[in-house]
Amino acid sequence: MVAEVSTVAPAAALHAVVADLGTYPEWLDIVAAADPLGQSDDAAPAWSVVLQARVGPLRRSKRLRMVRTIDSPSELCFERRELDGRSHSAWRLHATIEEIDAASGSDGAGSRLTMRLHYGGSLWIPVLDRLLTEEIRRSRTRLIELLAR
C-alpha cells in the first residue's frame, strides 16, 4: 500500500508529525492509540499502537509494538518488534519526506510525504486493502489541518 500527500508545510514540520506515532490518532482513524514506551533495546523509540477497524457490524483491533528504526530528515521507518518471543506477522511503515517547490509542478513550496505500508500477514488482506485505501483518502485532509495548527 502506497499513499502520497503534498502540503505547504515545510519538510521539518511534516517530519515532526510523522516521526511521532503518538500524533497518528489525531489524523489517522485506524490508529486508535499510540502510547510511547520509551526506548527499545537498541535505543530506538518504541510505541504501543492499537489499530482498530470496523467492517460492517464487525470491529477488529490489533495491538502492535512499533519501533522507529530509521529517522533522518528525509526518511522514517517504523517496524513491528514484539518482546514476547513469539513469531508475529511483519508490519512496516516507511515514509519519505521531500521539499517541493513551484518548479516541481506543485502549487507552491512545501513538502511531499510518501508512505508505504507492508503487512506480512494474510488475514483479511482484501478487506484490509479496501479499508486502508478509504482511510488514507480521509486522513490526507486531517494531516494537512494538523500541520496548519
Protein backbone atom coordinates (compact mmCIF):
# COMPACT_ATOMS: atom_id res chain seq x y z
CA MET A 1 0.00 0.00 0.00
CA VAL A 2 1.45 3.38 -1.03
CA ALA A 3 0.00 6.81 -0.25
CA GLU A 4 1.22 10.29 -1.03
CA VAL A 5 0.26 13.80 0.07
CA SER A 6 1.70 17.23 -0.66
CA THR A 7 1.40 20.16 1.72
CA VAL A 8 2.56 23.76 2.02
CA ALA A 9 4.15 22.88 5.38
CA PRO A 10 7.94 22.74 5.42
CA ALA A 11 9.55 19.31 5.46
CA ALA A 12 10.79 19.77 9.04
CA ALA A 13 7.22 20.34 10.31
CA LEU A 14 5.94 17.32 8.38
CA HIS A 15 8.81 15.22 9.75
CA ALA A 16 8.00 16.24 13.34
CA VAL A 17 4.43 14.96 12.99
CA VAL A 18 5.17 11.77 11.07
CA ALA A 19 8.15 10.81 13.28
CA ASP A 20 5.93 10.62 16.39
CA LEU A 21 3.44 7.75 16.26
CA GLY A 22 1.69 9.47 19.18
CA THR A 23 0.27 12.03 16.70
CA TYR A 24 -1.26 9.42 14.41
CA PRO A 25 -4.60 9.06 16.29
CA GLU A 26 -5.19 12.78 15.56
CA TRP A 27 -5.14 12.30 11.80
CA LEU A 28 -5.40 8.57 11.07
CA ASP A 29 -8.62 6.98 12.38
CA ILE A 30 -7.34 3.42 12.03
CA VAL A 31 -4.80 4.22 14.79
CA ALA A 32 -6.94 4.19 17.92
CA ALA A 33 -3.97 4.77 20.27
CA ALA A 34 -0.20 5.12 20.11
CA ASP A 35 1.46 5.35 23.50
CA PRO A 36 5.21 5.90 23.88
CA LEU A 37 7.10 3.06 25.53
CA GLY A 38 10.45 4.81 25.80
CA GLN A 39 13.42 3.33 24.05
CA SER A 40 13.78 -0.18 22.70
CA ASP A 41 16.73 -2.42 23.48
CA ASP A 42 18.73 -0.73 20.69
CA ALA A 43 17.85 2.79 21.97
CA ALA A 44 15.25 3.41 19.24
CA PRO A 45 11.91 4.96 20.32
CA ALA A 46 9.05 2.48 20.67
CA TRP A 47 5.25 2.78 20.90
CA SER A 48 2.35 0.55 21.82
CA VAL A 49 -0.02 1.02 18.88
CA VAL A 50 -3.65 -0.06 18.74
CA LEU A 51 -5.05 -0.40 15.24
CA GLN A 52 -8.82 -0.53 15.05
CA ALA A 53 -11.13 -1.01 12.10
CA ARG A 54 -14.82 -1.54 11.60
CA VAL A 55 -16.16 -3.57 8.70
CA GLY A 56 -19.93 -3.58 8.78
CA PRO A 57 -21.00 -4.82 12.22
CA LEU A 58 -17.56 -6.29 12.96
CA ARG A 59 -14.89 -4.42 14.84
CA ARG A 60 -11.34 -5.68 14.77
CA SER A 61 -8.41 -4.36 16.78
CA LYS A 62 -4.75 -5.23 16.89
CA ARG A 63 -2.06 -4.15 19.36
CA LEU A 64 1.46 -3.83 17.98
CA ARG A 65 4.76 -2.79 19.47
CA MET A 66 6.32 -0.50 16.87
CA VAL A 67 9.90 0.77 16.89
CA ARG A 68 11.27 3.65 14.84
CA THR A 69 14.19 2.01 13.03
CA ILE A 70 15.14 4.85 10.66
CA ASP A 71 14.99 8.55 11.46
CA SER A 72 16.58 11.06 9.12
CA PRO A 73 15.18 14.36 7.80
CA SER A 74 14.05 12.65 4.59
CA GLU A 75 13.25 9.11 5.73
CA LEU A 76 11.43 7.39 8.58
CA CYS A 77 10.68 3.74 9.20
CA PHE A 78 8.63 2.01 11.89
CA GLU A 79 8.71 -1.77 12.28
CA ARG A 80 6.89 -4.24 14.46
CA ARG A 81 9.16 -5.63 17.18
CA GLU A 82 7.38 -7.63 19.84
CA LEU A 83 9.17 -8.77 23.01
CA ASP A 84 7.16 -11.92 23.78
CA GLY A 85 9.49 -14.33 21.95
CA ARG A 86 6.75 -15.48 19.56
CA SER A 87 6.67 -15.14 15.79
CA HIS A 88 4.41 -12.34 14.50
CA SER A 89 3.35 -11.04 11.10
CA ALA A 90 5.52 -8.19 9.90
CA TRP A 91 4.23 -4.61 9.90
CA ARG A 92 6.47 -1.96 8.35
CA LEU A 93 5.66 1.69 7.70
CA HIS A 94 8.24 3.52 5.61
CA ALA A 95 7.96 7.26 4.96
CA THR A 96 9.93 9.60 2.74
CA ILE A 97 9.70 13.36 3.05
CA GLU A 98 10.94 15.75 0.42
CA GLU A 99 10.94 19.50 -0.05
CA ILE A 100 8.98 20.65 -3.09
CA ASP A 101 8.89 23.99 -4.84
CA ALA A 102 6.84 25.67 -7.52
CA ALA A 103 9.25 24.41 -10.20
CA SER A 104 8.44 20.78 -9.33
CA GLY A 105 4.88 21.15 -10.58
CA SER A 106 3.19 21.71 -7.23
CA ASP A 107 1.05 24.71 -6.35
CA GLY A 108 3.88 26.23 -4.33
CA ALA A 109 6.69 25.48 -1.92
CA GLY A 110 6.16 22.89 0.76
CA SER A 111 6.80 19.19 1.21
CA ARG A 112 5.64 15.81 -0.01
CA LEU A 113 5.10 12.71 2.11
CA THR A 114 5.11 9.23 0.60
CA MET A 115 4.18 6.38 2.93
CA ARG A 116 4.47 2.68 2.21
CA LEU A 117 2.79 0.15 4.48
CA HIS A 118 3.78 -3.51 4.36
CA TYR A 119 1.75 -6.11 6.23
CA GLY A 120 3.26 -9.59 6.15
CA GLY A 121 0.18 -11.48 7.30
CA SER A 122 -2.63 -12.99 5.27
CA LEU A 123 -5.65 -12.28 7.49
CA TRP A 124 -8.33 -10.11 5.85
CA ILE A 125 -5.99 -8.85 3.10
CA PRO A 126 -8.72 -7.81 0.58
CA VAL A 127 -10.77 -6.16 3.33
CA LEU A 128 -7.65 -4.55 4.83
CA ASP A 129 -6.63 -3.08 1.46
CA ARG A 130 -10.07 -1.57 0.85
CA LEU A 131 -10.28 -0.23 4.39
CA LEU A 132 -6.78 1.31 4.26
CA THR A 133 -7.42 2.91 0.87
CA GLU A 134 -10.50 4.69 2.22
CA GLU A 135 -8.76 5.64 5.47
CA ILE A 136 -5.79 7.13 3.61
CA ARG A 137 -8.14 9.21 1.46
CA ARG A 138 -9.77 10.68 4.58
CA SER A 139 -6.52 11.14 6.51
CA ARG A 140 -4.86 13.45 3.97
CA THR A 141 -7.10 16.38 4.88
CA ARG A 142 -6.72 15.77 8.63
CA LEU A 143 -2.92 15.64 8.34
CA ILE A 144 -2.84 18.92 6.40
CA GLU A 145 -5.14 20.53 9.01
CA LEU A 146 -2.89 19.30 11.84
CA LEU A 147 0.17 20.78 10.12
CA ALA A 148 -1.63 24.12 9.73
CA ARG A 149 -2.18 24.46 13.51
